[in-house]
Amino acid sequence: MASETKFERETVKEIKDLLPGCVVMKGDASRIQGIPDRIILHGPRWAVLEFKRSASSPKQPNQDYYIEKLSEMSYASLIYPENKEEVLHDLQLALGSAG
C-alpha cells in the first residue's frame, strides 16, 4: 500500500492534467483543525479534498464536519485509492467547465 503522501502527490499531478490551469494549494490544518488537505481553484470554481491512505484510515477531529460544510458550498470529498476514480470524475464534473 502506498503512503498517503505518495498517493496525494501522484493524485495532485493527475488533477492538474484533468483540469489544465487549475491551482492546487495545501490546506493548513495547523490553523484550522480538520480543514481538508488540498484546495483546488479552477476559474470561478473551487473544491477541497482530504487525502487518506485507505478507506479505513482514521479521520482527525472535524474532518467530517468540514467535508460536509464545504460540500454545501462547492465540491468536497475524502479521497483514497479505493474511490479515487469516482472522486476524480466527480471533481472534473464539478470544476471541468470552468474558465
Protein backbone atom coordinates (compact mmCIF):
# COMPACT_ATOMS: atom_id res chain seq x y z
CA MET A 1 0.00 0.00 0.00
CA ALA A 2 1.33 3.41 -0.95
CA SER A 3 1.90 6.09 1.65
CA GLU A 4 -0.65 8.88 1.95
CA THR A 5 1.99 11.42 0.89
CA LYS A 6 2.85 9.48 -2.28
CA PHE A 7 -0.83 8.95 -3.10
CA GLU A 8 -1.51 12.66 -2.59
CA ARG A 9 1.45 13.77 -4.72
CA GLU A 10 0.54 11.44 -7.61
CA THR A 11 -3.14 12.37 -7.48
CA VAL A 12 -2.39 16.12 -7.49
CA LYS A 13 -0.44 15.56 -10.74
CA GLU A 14 -3.48 13.81 -12.20
CA ILE A 15 -5.77 16.65 -11.12
CA LYS A 16 -3.52 19.18 -12.84
CA ASP A 17 -3.73 17.10 -16.04
CA LEU A 18 -7.53 16.79 -15.77
CA LEU A 19 -8.02 20.50 -15.06
CA PRO A 20 -5.39 22.44 -17.02
CA GLY A 21 -4.63 25.80 -15.46
CA CYS A 22 -6.02 24.87 -12.04
CA VAL A 23 -4.24 25.97 -8.88
CA VAL A 24 -3.80 23.34 -6.17
CA MET A 25 -2.90 24.64 -2.72
CA LYS A 26 -2.15 22.91 0.54
CA GLY A 27 -4.69 23.38 3.33
CA ASP A 28 -3.23 24.30 6.72
CA ALA A 29 -4.68 22.06 9.43
CA SER A 30 -2.40 23.74 11.98
CA ARG A 31 -4.56 26.87 11.62
CA ILE A 32 -7.97 25.19 11.29
CA GLN A 33 -8.10 21.64 12.67
CA GLY A 34 -9.77 19.29 10.21
CA ILE A 35 -9.52 21.54 7.16
CA PRO A 36 -9.00 19.36 4.05
CA ASP A 37 -5.53 18.69 2.67
CA ARG A 38 -5.88 20.38 -0.71
CA ILE A 39 -7.80 23.31 -2.13
CA ILE A 40 -8.31 23.27 -5.90
CA LEU A 41 -9.12 26.52 -7.72
CA HIS A 42 -10.29 26.40 -11.33
CA GLY A 43 -11.71 29.54 -12.88
CA PRO A 44 -14.60 30.73 -10.69
CA ARG A 45 -14.99 27.29 -9.11
CA TRP A 46 -13.24 25.53 -6.24
CA ALA A 47 -13.10 22.21 -4.43
CA VAL A 48 -11.36 20.63 -1.46
CA LEU A 49 -10.03 17.11 -0.99
CA GLU A 50 -8.97 15.27 2.13
CA PHE A 51 -6.46 12.55 1.26
CA LYS A 52 -6.41 9.24 3.11
CA ARG A 53 -4.13 6.24 2.73
CA SER A 54 -7.15 3.91 2.52
CA ALA A 55 -10.91 3.84 3.05
CA SER A 56 -10.31 2.52 6.58
CA SER A 57 -7.80 5.20 7.60
CA PRO A 58 -8.83 7.08 10.74
CA LYS A 59 -10.09 10.64 10.44
CA GLN A 60 -8.95 13.56 12.51
CA PRO A 61 -11.43 15.56 14.58
CA ASN A 62 -13.53 17.94 12.47
CA GLN A 63 -12.67 16.36 9.10
CA ASP A 64 -16.20 15.06 8.53
CA TYR A 65 -17.58 18.43 9.66
CA TYR A 66 -15.52 20.39 7.11
CA ILE A 67 -16.18 17.94 4.27
CA GLU A 68 -19.92 18.23 4.90
CA LYS A 69 -19.87 22.03 5.38
CA LEU A 70 -17.73 22.68 2.30
CA SER A 71 -19.80 20.23 0.20
CA GLU A 72 -22.74 22.54 0.77
CA MET A 73 -20.74 25.41 -0.76
CA SER A 74 -18.95 23.63 -3.60
CA TYR A 75 -17.30 20.21 -4.07
CA ALA A 76 -15.60 18.48 -1.13
CA SER A 77 -14.66 14.85 -0.62
CA LEU A 78 -12.45 12.36 1.10
CA ILE A 79 -10.23 10.66 -1.46
CA TYR A 80 -8.37 7.37 -1.08
CA PRO A 81 -7.18 4.72 -3.56
CA GLU A 82 -10.45 2.79 -3.39
CA ASN A 83 -12.60 5.75 -4.52
CA LYS A 84 -10.03 7.78 -6.47
CA GLU A 85 -11.50 7.28 -9.96
CA GLU A 86 -15.01 8.18 -8.78
CA VAL A 87 -13.80 11.30 -6.95
CA LEU A 88 -11.69 12.48 -9.90
CA HIS A 89 -14.68 12.00 -12.19
CA ASP A 90 -16.93 14.00 -9.83
CA LEU A 91 -14.23 16.67 -9.42
CA GLN A 92 -13.96 17.06 -13.18
CA LEU A 93 -17.75 17.38 -13.47
CA ALA A 94 -17.81 19.98 -10.70
CA LEU A 95 -14.88 22.08 -11.97
CA GLY A 96 -14.20 20.98 -15.53
CA SER A 97 -16.16 23.53 -17.49
CA ALA A 98 -14.66 26.49 -15.64
CA GLY A 99 -12.67 29.23 -17.01
